[in-house]
Amino acid sequence: MEPQRPNFERTPKEIPKQEKVSKPIQRPEDKPVVLAENETSPAQWVCMVVGVAFVLVGMAGFVLPNLFGMHLGWTHNLVHIFSGIAALWFGVNNSLISAERFSYIFGAIYGMLGLAGFLFGSNTTMIPPTMDYDSFWWRLIPGYLELGTADHIVHILIGSAFVIGAWLTARKLDRMAPKGTTWH
């Protein structure tokens, strides 16, 4: 006679309750579940719109390195393209929660990058001859990733858009269900 193997494909309701348990087990089915995937959240919209803009600016920067007064070098363009792909992935292929978390983190990073540019940038004579004088020139990676005032302003605006989108999504989720809700 062959020994019986446990069935690991049972749902939590099919698992028998243990008799002697010191603490009550709280199972996910005990909490209200809200399926919020039916509509696109503000964080997802921001991820999609800014993601497309990132990819387009990254590609255009190879041809127009001084687009909108920004300093788009080869490395800066690659950062924009990869950032755009990441934002698009979180905007299209993920849940509201992951888009919200990505937006908070990404927005904070871009916002701090813009603020750091104003704090650490300084006027310098090392500006490439094709660029205008910039009192907040910041050489993050000299020769590869150099940012100016226009870059700092755009980074702060992008960071703000991501944080606002995430905040609006969090407010929307809070209005949709009571505290302690499990989101799927």
N, C-alpha and C. Protein backbone atom coordinates (compact mmCIF):
# COMPACT_ATOMS: atom_id res chain seq x y z
N MET A 1 0.84 -1.17 0.00
CA MET A 1 0.00 0.00 0.00
C MET A 1 0.89 1.25 0.00
N GLU A 2 0.59 2.17 -0.88
CA GLU A 2 1.39 3.39 -1.04
C GLU A 2 0.93 4.45 -0.03
N PRO A 3 1.89 5.16 0.60
CA PRO A 3 1.48 6.19 1.57
C PRO A 3 0.80 7.35 0.85
N GLN A 4 -0.16 7.97 1.53
CA GLN A 4 -0.89 9.09 0.96
C GLN A 4 -0.07 10.35 1.06
N ARG A 5 -0.03 11.11 -0.02
CA ARG A 5 0.68 12.38 -0.02
C ARG A 5 -0.30 13.50 0.33
N PRO A 6 0.20 14.50 1.04
CA PRO A 6 -0.71 15.61 1.37
C PRO A 6 -1.09 16.38 0.12
N ASN A 7 -2.28 16.91 0.12
CA ASN A 7 -2.78 17.71 -0.99
C ASN A 7 -2.46 19.18 -0.69
N PHE A 8 -1.50 19.75 -1.39
CA PHE A 8 -1.11 21.13 -1.15
C PHE A 8 -1.94 22.12 -1.95
N GLU A 9 -2.85 21.66 -2.73
CA GLU A 9 -3.67 22.53 -3.56
C GLU A 9 -5.01 22.85 -2.91
N ARG A 10 -5.15 22.58 -1.63
CA ARG A 10 -6.40 22.89 -0.95
C ARG A 10 -6.49 24.38 -0.64
N THR A 11 -7.67 24.90 -0.65
CA THR A 11 -7.87 26.30 -0.27
C THR A 11 -7.85 26.40 1.24
N PRO A 12 -7.65 27.62 1.80
CA PRO A 12 -7.58 27.77 3.25
C PRO A 12 -8.82 27.26 3.98
N LYS A 13 -10.00 27.32 3.38
CA LYS A 13 -11.21 26.85 4.04
C LYS A 13 -11.24 25.33 4.19
N GLU A 14 -10.52 24.62 3.30
CA GLU A 14 -10.50 23.17 3.35
C GLU A 14 -9.51 22.62 4.38
N ILE A 15 -8.61 23.47 4.83
CA ILE A 15 -7.61 23.03 5.81
C ILE A 15 -8.30 22.90 7.16
N PRO A 16 -8.19 21.74 7.81
CA PRO A 16 -8.88 21.57 9.09
C PRO A 16 -8.26 22.47 10.16
N LYS A 17 -9.10 22.96 11.07
CA LYS A 17 -8.64 23.81 12.16
C LYS A 17 -7.93 22.97 13.20
N GLN A 18 -6.89 23.54 13.77
CA GLN A 18 -6.17 22.84 14.82
C GLN A 18 -6.93 22.96 16.13
N GLU A 19 -6.85 21.95 16.94
CA GLU A 19 -7.60 21.93 18.20
C GLU A 19 -6.98 22.81 19.27
N LYS A 20 -5.66 22.70 19.46
CA LYS A 20 -5.01 23.43 20.54
C LYS A 20 -4.13 24.52 19.94
N VAL A 21 -4.64 25.73 19.94
CA VAL A 21 -3.90 26.87 19.42
C VAL A 21 -3.94 27.95 20.48
N SER A 22 -2.77 28.48 20.83
CA SER A 22 -2.73 29.49 21.89
C SER A 22 -3.24 30.84 21.40
N LYS A 23 -2.98 31.18 20.12
CA LYS A 23 -3.44 32.44 19.57
C LYS A 23 -4.39 32.14 18.42
N PRO A 24 -5.42 32.94 18.26
CA PRO A 24 -6.31 32.69 17.13
C PRO A 24 -5.59 32.98 15.81
N ILE A 25 -5.85 32.16 14.83
CA ILE A 25 -5.25 32.34 13.51
C ILE A 25 -6.17 33.23 12.70
N GLN A 26 -5.59 34.31 12.17
CA GLN A 26 -6.40 35.17 11.32
C GLN A 26 -6.07 34.85 9.88
N ARG A 27 -7.06 34.41 9.18
CA ARG A 27 -6.88 34.02 7.79
C ARG A 27 -7.31 35.16 6.89
N PRO A 28 -6.73 35.24 5.67
CA PRO A 28 -7.10 36.32 4.76
C PRO A 28 -8.59 36.38 4.45
N GLU A 29 -9.28 35.23 4.48
CA GLU A 29 -10.70 35.26 4.14
C GLU A 29 -11.54 35.87 5.26
N ASP A 30 -10.95 36.09 6.44
CA ASP A 30 -11.69 36.72 7.53
C ASP A 30 -11.82 38.23 7.34
N LYS A 31 -10.99 38.82 6.49
CA LYS A 31 -11.03 40.25 6.24
C LYS A 31 -11.85 40.51 4.99
N PRO A 32 -12.47 41.68 4.92
CA PRO A 32 -13.17 42.00 3.67
C PRO A 32 -12.17 42.17 2.54
N VAL A 33 -12.51 41.67 1.41
CA VAL A 33 -11.63 41.76 0.25
C VAL A 33 -12.27 42.65 -0.78
N VAL A 34 -11.50 43.60 -1.30
CA VAL A 34 -12.00 44.51 -2.31
C VAL A 34 -11.15 44.33 -3.55
N LEU A 35 -11.78 44.01 -4.64
CA LEU A 35 -11.07 43.92 -5.91
C LEU A 35 -11.12 45.29 -6.56
N ALA A 36 -9.99 45.97 -6.59
CA ALA A 36 -9.94 47.35 -7.08
C ALA A 36 -9.25 47.45 -8.43
N GLU A 37 -9.19 46.39 -9.17
CA GLU A 37 -8.46 46.38 -10.43
C GLU A 37 -9.34 46.77 -11.63
N ASN A 38 -10.56 47.19 -11.37
CA ASN A 38 -11.47 47.48 -12.47
C ASN A 38 -11.19 48.79 -13.17
N GLU A 39 -10.53 49.72 -12.50
CA GLU A 39 -10.26 51.00 -13.12
C GLU A 39 -8.81 51.40 -12.86
N THR A 40 -8.34 52.32 -13.66
CA THR A 40 -6.95 52.77 -13.56
C THR A 40 -6.84 53.83 -12.48
N SER A 41 -5.87 53.68 -11.60
CA SER A 41 -5.68 54.62 -10.50
C SER A 41 -4.88 55.83 -10.97
N PRO A 42 -4.92 56.93 -10.20
CA PRO A 42 -4.09 58.10 -10.55
C PRO A 42 -2.60 57.76 -10.63
N ALA A 43 -2.11 56.90 -9.74
CA ALA A 43 -0.69 56.51 -9.78
C ALA A 43 -0.37 55.79 -11.09
N GLN A 44 -1.28 54.93 -11.54
CA GLN A 44 -1.05 54.22 -12.80
C GLN A 44 -1.06 55.18 -13.98
N TRP A 45 -1.97 56.17 -13.96
CA TRP A 45 -2.02 57.16 -15.03
C TRP A 45 -0.71 57.95 -15.08
N VAL A 46 -0.23 58.39 -13.91
CA VAL A 46 1.02 59.14 -13.88
C VAL A 46 2.16 58.27 -14.40
N CYS A 47 2.20 57.02 -13.98
CA CYS A 47 3.25 56.11 -14.45
C CYS A 47 3.21 55.96 -15.96
N MET A 48 2.02 55.82 -16.52
CA MET A 48 1.92 55.63 -17.97
C MET A 48 2.28 56.90 -18.74
N VAL A 49 1.73 58.04 -18.32
CA VAL A 49 1.96 59.29 -19.05
C VAL A 49 3.43 59.71 -18.95
N VAL A 50 3.96 59.73 -17.73
CA VAL A 50 5.36 60.15 -17.55
C VAL A 50 6.30 59.10 -18.13
N GLY A 51 5.93 57.84 -18.08
CA GLY A 51 6.75 56.79 -18.68
C GLY A 51 6.91 56.99 -20.18
N VAL A 52 5.82 57.29 -20.86
CA VAL A 52 5.88 57.56 -22.30
C VAL A 52 6.74 58.80 -22.56
N ALA A 53 6.53 59.85 -21.75
CA ALA A 53 7.33 61.07 -21.91
C ALA A 53 8.81 60.80 -21.70
N PHE A 54 9.14 60.00 -20.69
CA PHE A 54 10.54 59.65 -20.43
C PHE A 54 11.17 58.95 -21.64
N VAL A 55 10.47 57.97 -22.17
CA VAL A 55 11.02 57.22 -23.31
C VAL A 55 11.20 58.15 -24.51
N LEU A 56 10.21 58.99 -24.79
CA LEU A 56 10.31 59.91 -25.93
C LEU A 56 11.43 60.93 -25.75
N VAL A 57 11.54 61.52 -24.55
CA VAL A 57 12.61 62.49 -24.30
C VAL A 57 13.97 61.79 -24.34
N GLY A 58 14.05 60.57 -23.82
CA GLY A 58 15.30 59.83 -23.88
C GLY A 58 15.76 59.57 -25.30
N MET A 59 14.83 59.21 -26.17
CA MET A 59 15.19 58.96 -27.57
C MET A 59 15.50 60.27 -28.29
N ALA A 60 14.71 61.31 -28.04
CA ALA A 60 14.95 62.60 -28.69
C ALA A 60 16.25 63.23 -28.23
N GLY A 61 16.67 62.94 -26.99
CA GLY A 61 17.89 63.52 -26.45
C GLY A 61 19.14 63.10 -27.20
N PHE A 62 19.10 61.96 -27.87
CA PHE A 62 20.25 61.56 -28.67
C PHE A 62 20.44 62.48 -29.87
N VAL A 63 19.33 63.02 -30.38
CA VAL A 63 19.38 63.90 -31.54
C VAL A 63 19.46 65.37 -31.12
N LEU A 64 18.71 65.73 -30.07
CA LEU A 64 18.65 67.11 -29.58
C LEU A 64 19.14 67.16 -28.13
N PRO A 65 20.45 67.26 -27.92
CA PRO A 65 20.98 67.19 -26.55
C PRO A 65 20.63 68.39 -25.67
N ASN A 66 20.13 69.47 -26.26
CA ASN A 66 19.76 70.65 -25.47
C ASN A 66 18.25 70.87 -25.53
N LEU A 67 17.49 69.79 -25.60
CA LEU A 67 16.03 69.84 -25.71
C LEU A 67 15.42 70.51 -24.48
N PHE A 68 14.61 71.52 -24.68
CA PHE A 68 13.93 72.27 -23.62
C PHE A 68 14.92 72.86 -22.61
N GLY A 69 16.14 73.11 -23.02
CA GLY A 69 17.14 73.68 -22.13
C GLY A 69 17.79 72.67 -21.19
N MET A 70 17.43 71.40 -21.34
CA MET A 70 18.02 70.36 -20.49
C MET A 70 19.35 69.93 -21.09
N HIS A 71 20.13 69.24 -20.30
CA HIS A 71 21.44 68.77 -20.73
C HIS A 71 21.37 67.25 -20.87
N LEU A 72 21.00 66.82 -22.05
CA LEU A 72 20.74 65.41 -22.29
C LEU A 72 21.93 64.73 -22.94
N GLY A 73 22.81 64.22 -22.12
CA GLY A 73 23.93 63.45 -22.62
C GLY A 73 23.51 62.00 -22.83
N TRP A 74 24.45 61.22 -23.32
CA TRP A 74 24.18 59.82 -23.63
C TRP A 74 23.69 59.06 -22.39
N THR A 75 24.36 59.22 -21.24
CA THR A 75 23.98 58.53 -20.01
C THR A 75 22.61 59.01 -19.51
N HIS A 76 22.39 60.32 -19.59
CA HIS A 76 21.13 60.90 -19.14
C HIS A 76 19.97 60.35 -19.97
N ASN A 77 20.18 60.19 -21.26
CA ASN A 77 19.14 59.64 -22.13
C ASN A 77 18.83 58.18 -21.78
N LEU A 78 19.86 57.40 -21.51
CA LEU A 78 19.63 56.01 -21.12
C LEU A 78 18.87 55.92 -19.79
N VAL A 79 19.21 56.79 -18.85
CA VAL A 79 18.49 56.82 -17.58
C VAL A 79 17.02 57.14 -17.83
N HIS A 80 16.75 58.10 -18.73
CA HIS A 80 15.35 58.43 -19.05
C HIS A 80 14.63 57.26 -19.68
N ILE A 81 15.27 56.58 -20.60
CA ILE A 81 14.62 55.45 -21.28
C ILE A 81 14.32 54.33 -20.29
N PHE A 82 15.30 53.96 -19.45
CA PHE A 82 15.07 52.90 -18.47
C PHE A 82 14.03 53.32 -17.42
N SER A 83 14.07 54.58 -17.01
CA SER A 83 13.06 55.08 -16.06
C SER A 83 11.67 55.02 -16.68
N GLY A 84 11.58 55.38 -17.96
CA GLY A 84 10.30 55.33 -18.65
C GLY A 84 9.75 53.92 -18.77
N ILE A 85 10.63 52.98 -19.08
CA ILE A 85 10.20 51.58 -19.19
C ILE A 85 9.72 51.06 -17.83
N ALA A 86 10.45 51.40 -16.77
CA ALA A 86 10.03 50.97 -15.42
C ALA A 86 8.69 51.59 -15.06
N ALA A 87 8.52 52.88 -15.33
CA ALA A 87 7.26 53.55 -15.01
C ALA A 87 6.10 52.93 -15.80
N LEU A 88 6.33 52.67 -17.08
CA LEU A 88 5.29 52.04 -17.89
C LEU A 88 4.93 50.66 -17.37
N TRP A 89 5.93 49.90 -16.96
CA TRP A 89 5.67 48.56 -16.44
C TRP A 89 4.80 48.63 -15.19
N PHE A 90 5.11 49.54 -14.28
CA PHE A 90 4.30 49.67 -13.07
C PHE A 90 2.93 50.27 -13.37
N GLY A 91 2.81 51.09 -14.39
CA GLY A 91 1.53 51.68 -14.73
C GLY A 91 0.59 50.72 -15.43
N VAL A 92 1.14 49.80 -16.21
CA VAL A 92 0.30 48.92 -17.03
C VAL A 92 0.17 47.52 -16.44
N ASN A 93 1.26 46.93 -16.00
CA ASN A 93 1.27 45.51 -15.64
C ASN A 93 1.15 45.21 -14.17
N ASN A 94 0.87 46.16 -13.34
CA ASN A 94 0.85 45.89 -11.91
C ASN A 94 -0.42 46.37 -11.25
N SER A 95 -0.52 46.09 -9.97
CA SER A 95 -1.70 46.45 -9.21
C SER A 95 -1.65 47.91 -8.78
N LEU A 96 -2.76 48.37 -8.23
CA LEU A 96 -2.82 49.73 -7.71
C LEU A 96 -1.79 49.95 -6.62
N ILE A 97 -1.63 48.97 -5.75
CA ILE A 97 -0.71 49.10 -4.62
C ILE A 97 0.73 49.21 -5.11
N SER A 98 1.14 48.36 -6.04
CA SER A 98 2.52 48.43 -6.51
C SER A 98 2.76 49.72 -7.30
N ALA A 99 1.78 50.18 -8.07
CA ALA A 99 1.93 51.46 -8.78
C ALA A 99 2.02 52.61 -7.78
N GLU A 100 1.23 52.52 -6.71
CA GLU A 100 1.27 53.57 -5.69
C GLU A 100 2.64 53.59 -5.00
N ARG A 101 3.14 52.43 -4.61
CA ARG A 101 4.44 52.37 -3.93
C ARG A 101 5.57 52.81 -4.84
N PHE A 102 5.54 52.36 -6.09
CA PHE A 102 6.55 52.79 -7.05
C PHE A 102 6.51 54.30 -7.20
N SER A 103 5.32 54.87 -7.30
CA SER A 103 5.19 56.31 -7.49
C SER A 103 5.73 57.09 -6.29
N TYR A 104 5.46 56.61 -5.08
CA TYR A 104 6.02 57.28 -3.90
C TYR A 104 7.55 57.24 -3.94
N ILE A 105 8.11 56.06 -4.18
CA ILE A 105 9.57 55.90 -4.16
C ILE A 105 10.22 56.67 -5.32
N PHE A 106 9.70 56.49 -6.51
CA PHE A 106 10.26 57.14 -7.69
C PHE A 106 10.12 58.65 -7.59
N GLY A 107 8.95 59.10 -7.12
CA GLY A 107 8.73 60.54 -6.95
C GLY A 107 9.68 61.15 -5.93
N ALA A 108 9.91 60.43 -4.84
CA ALA A 108 10.84 60.93 -3.82
C ALA A 108 12.26 61.00 -4.38
N ILE A 109 12.66 60.00 -5.14
CA ILE A 109 14.01 59.99 -5.72
C ILE A 109 14.18 61.16 -6.69
N TYR A 110 13.23 61.34 -7.60
CA TYR A 110 13.35 62.42 -8.57
C TYR A 110 13.23 63.79 -7.90
N GLY A 111 12.35 63.92 -6.94
CA GLY A 111 12.23 65.19 -6.22
C GLY A 111 13.51 65.55 -5.48
N MET A 112 14.09 64.55 -4.80
CA MET A 112 15.35 64.80 -4.08
C MET A 112 16.50 65.07 -5.05
N LEU A 113 16.49 64.44 -6.21
CA LEU A 113 17.52 64.71 -7.22
C LEU A 113 17.44 66.17 -7.67
N GLY A 114 16.23 66.65 -7.90
CA GLY A 114 16.07 68.06 -8.29
C GLY A 114 16.49 69.02 -7.20
N LEU A 115 16.09 68.74 -5.96
CA LEU A 115 16.49 69.61 -4.85
C LEU A 115 18.00 69.56 -4.63
N ALA A 116 18.59 68.38 -4.74
CA ALA A 116 20.04 68.25 -4.58
C ALA A 116 20.77 69.05 -5.65
N GLY A 117 20.22 69.12 -6.84
CA GLY A 117 20.84 69.91 -7.90
C GLY A 117 20.91 71.37 -7.53
N PHE A 118 19.85 71.88 -6.91
CA PHE A 118 19.88 73.28 -6.48
C PHE A 118 20.80 73.49 -5.28
N LEU A 119 20.90 72.49 -4.41
CA LEU A 119 21.76 72.62 -3.23
C LEU A 119 23.24 72.46 -3.57
N PHE A 120 23.57 71.49 -4.42
CA PHE A 120 24.97 71.16 -4.69
C PHE A 120 25.48 71.72 -6.01
N GLY A 121 24.59 72.21 -6.85
CA GLY A 121 25.02 72.78 -8.12
C GLY A 121 25.71 74.12 -7.89
N SER A 122 26.64 74.44 -8.75
CA SER A 122 27.34 75.71 -8.62
C SER A 122 27.77 76.19 -9.99
N ASN A 123 28.03 77.48 -10.06
CA ASN A 123 28.49 77.99 -11.35
C ASN A 123 29.91 77.52 -11.58
N THR A 124 30.20 77.22 -12.79
CA THR A 124 31.51 76.67 -13.11
C THR A 124 31.89 77.06 -14.52
N THR A 125 33.16 77.05 -14.78
CA THR A 125 33.63 77.33 -16.13
C THR A 125 33.75 76.05 -16.94
N MET A 126 33.39 74.92 -16.34
CA MET A 126 33.53 73.62 -16.99
C MET A 126 32.31 73.24 -17.83
N ILE A 127 31.42 74.18 -18.09
CA ILE A 127 30.22 73.88 -18.87
C ILE A 127 30.63 73.68 -20.33
N PRO A 128 30.10 72.66 -20.99
CA PRO A 128 30.44 72.43 -22.39
C PRO A 128 30.14 73.67 -23.24
N PRO A 129 30.91 73.92 -24.28
CA PRO A 129 30.73 75.14 -25.08
C PRO A 129 29.36 75.22 -25.77
N THR A 130 28.69 74.11 -25.98
CA THR A 130 27.39 74.14 -26.64
C THR A 130 26.27 74.54 -25.69
N MET A 131 26.55 74.59 -24.39
CA MET A 131 25.53 74.91 -23.40
C MET A 131 25.70 76.35 -22.91
N ASP A 132 24.59 76.96 -22.50
CA ASP A 132 24.63 78.30 -21.94
C ASP A 132 25.14 78.25 -20.51
N TYR A 133 25.53 79.42 -19.99
CA TYR A 133 25.96 79.52 -18.60
C TYR A 133 24.83 79.06 -17.68
N ASP A 134 25.14 78.33 -16.65
CA ASP A 134 24.13 77.80 -15.74
C ASP A 134 24.65 77.93 -14.31
N SER A 135 23.94 78.69 -13.48
CA SER A 135 24.41 78.93 -12.11
C SER A 135 24.20 77.73 -11.19
N PHE A 136 23.44 76.72 -11.62
CA PHE A 136 23.21 75.53 -10.81
C PHE A 136 23.69 74.26 -11.52
N TRP A 137 24.81 74.36 -12.20
CA TRP A 137 25.37 73.23 -12.94
C TRP A 137 25.88 72.19 -11.94
N TRP A 138 25.44 70.94 -12.11
CA TRP A 138 25.84 69.89 -11.18
C TRP A 138 26.39 68.72 -11.97
N ARG A 139 27.65 68.41 -11.74
CA ARG A 139 28.30 67.30 -12.44
C ARG A 139 28.17 66.05 -11.58
N LEU A 140 27.08 65.35 -11.76
CA LEU A 140 26.81 64.13 -10.99
C LEU A 140 27.84 63.05 -11.30
N ILE A 141 28.04 62.78 -12.58
CA ILE A 141 29.11 61.90 -13.05
C ILE A 141 29.83 62.73 -14.14
N PRO A 142 30.93 63.38 -13.79
CA PRO A 142 31.58 64.30 -14.74
C PRO A 142 31.83 63.66 -16.10
N GLY A 143 31.40 64.38 -17.12
CA GLY A 143 31.57 63.92 -18.49
C GLY A 143 30.44 63.01 -18.98
N TYR A 144 29.65 62.47 -18.06
CA TYR A 144 28.59 61.54 -18.46
C TYR A 144 27.19 62.00 -18.04
N LEU A 145 27.05 62.45 -16.80
CA LEU A 145 25.74 62.85 -16.29
C LEU A 145 25.89 64.20 -15.59
N GLU A 146 25.58 65.23 -16.34
CA GLU A 146 25.71 66.59 -15.84
C GLU A 146 24.36 67.28 -15.98
N LEU A 147 23.92 67.91 -14.91
CA LEU A 147 22.57 68.48 -14.87
C LEU A 147 22.63 69.98 -14.64
N GLY A 148 21.67 70.69 -15.21
CA GLY A 148 21.58 72.13 -15.05
C GLY A 148 20.24 72.52 -14.44
N THR A 149 19.99 73.83 -14.41
CA THR A 149 18.78 74.37 -13.78
C THR A 149 17.51 73.78 -14.39
N ALA A 150 17.43 73.72 -15.70
CA ALA A 150 16.23 73.16 -16.35
C ALA A 150 16.02 71.71 -15.94
N ASP A 151 17.10 70.95 -15.84
CA ASP A 151 16.99 69.55 -15.41
C ASP A 151 16.45 69.46 -13.99
N HIS A 152 16.94 70.32 -13.11
CA HIS A 152 16.51 70.29 -11.71
C HIS A 152 15.01 70.62 -11.60
N ILE A 153 14.57 71.62 -12.35
CA ILE A 153 13.15 72.00 -12.33
C ILE A 153 12.29 70.85 -12.84
N VAL A 154 12.69 70.23 -13.95
CA VAL A 154 11.93 69.11 -14.50
C VAL A 154 11.90 67.94 -13.52
N HIS A 155 13.02 67.65 -12.87
CA HIS A 155 13.06 66.54 -11.90
C HIS A 155 12.13 66.81 -10.72
N ILE A 156 12.07 68.04 -10.24
CA ILE A 156 11.14 68.37 -9.14
C ILE A 156 9.70 68.22 -9.60
N LEU A 157 9.38 68.68 -10.82
CA LEU A 157 8.02 68.55 -11.34
C LEU A 157 7.62 67.08 -11.51
N ILE A 158 8.53 66.28 -12.05
CA ILE A 158 8.26 64.85 -12.22
C ILE A 158 8.06 64.17 -10.87
N GLY A 159 8.94 64.47 -9.93
CA GLY A 159 8.81 63.90 -8.58
C GLY A 159 7.49 64.27 -7.95
N SER A 160 7.08 65.54 -8.11
CA SER A 160 5.80 66.00 -7.56
C SER A 160 4.63 65.27 -8.20
N ALA A 161 4.69 65.09 -9.52
CA ALA A 161 3.59 64.39 -10.22
C ALA A 161 3.46 62.96 -9.70
N PHE A 162 4.56 62.27 -9.52
CA PHE A 162 4.51 60.89 -9.02
C PHE A 162 3.96 60.84 -7.59
N VAL A 163 4.44 61.72 -6.73
CA VAL A 163 3.98 61.71 -5.33
C VAL A 163 2.49 62.07 -5.26
N ILE A 164 2.06 63.05 -6.02
CA ILE A 164 0.64 63.43 -6.02
C ILE A 164 -0.22 62.27 -6.55
N GLY A 165 0.22 61.61 -7.61
CA GLY A 165 -0.52 60.45 -8.13
C GLY A 165 -0.63 59.34 -7.10
N ALA A 166 0.47 59.08 -6.39
CA ALA A 166 0.45 58.05 -5.34
C ALA A 166 -0.46 58.45 -4.19
N TRP A 167 -0.42 59.71 -3.81
CA TRP A 167 -1.25 60.20 -2.71
C TRP A 167 -2.73 60.12 -3.07
N LEU A 168 -3.07 60.50 -4.29
CA LEU A 168 -4.47 60.41 -4.74
C LEU A 168 -4.94 58.95 -4.77
N THR A 169 -4.06 58.06 -5.17
CA THR A 169 -4.40 56.63 -5.18
C THR A 169 -4.63 56.13 -3.76
N ALA A 170 -3.77 56.52 -2.82
CA ALA A 170 -3.93 56.11 -1.42
C ALA A 170 -5.26 56.62 -0.86
N ARG A 171 -5.60 57.85 -1.17
CA ARG A 171 -6.89 58.40 -0.71
C ARG A 171 -8.06 57.63 -1.32
N LYS A 172 -7.94 57.29 -2.59
CA LYS A 172 -8.99 56.54 -3.27
C LYS A 172 -9.16 55.16 -2.62
N LEU A 173 -8.06 54.49 -2.31
CA LEU A 173 -8.13 53.18 -1.68
C LEU A 173 -8.73 53.28 -0.28
N ASP A 174 -8.39 54.31 0.46
CA ASP A 174 -8.95 54.49 1.80
C ASP A 174 -10.45 54.73 1.75
N ARG A 175 -10.93 55.44 0.74
CA ARG A 175 -12.37 55.69 0.61
C ARG A 175 -13.13 54.45 0.19
N MET A 176 -12.46 53.55 -0.55
CA MET A 176 -13.14 52.38 -1.09
C MET A 176 -13.45 51.31 -0.05
N ALA A 177 -12.64 51.23 0.99
CA ALA A 177 -12.84 50.13 1.94
C ALA A 177 -12.37 50.54 3.33
N PRO A 178 -12.91 49.89 4.34
CA PRO A 178 -12.50 50.22 5.71
C PRO A 178 -11.09 49.75 6.02
N LYS A 179 -10.59 50.20 7.16
CA LYS A 179 -9.26 49.81 7.61
C LYS A 179 -9.21 48.29 7.76
N GLY A 180 -8.03 47.73 7.53
CA GLY A 180 -7.85 46.29 7.68
C GLY A 180 -8.26 45.49 6.47
N THR A 181 -8.55 46.19 5.36
CA THR A 181 -8.97 45.48 4.15
C THR A 181 -7.77 44.86 3.47
N THR A 182 -7.94 43.68 2.95
CA THR A 182 -6.91 43.03 2.16
C THR A 182 -7.13 43.41 0.72
N TRP A 183 -6.11 44.00 0.09
CA TRP A 183 -6.23 44.43 -1.30
C TRP A 183 -5.68 43.38 -2.23
N HIS A 184 -6.44 43.07 -3.29
CA HIS A 184 -6.01 42.09 -4.29
C HIS A 184 -6.05 42.71 -5.64
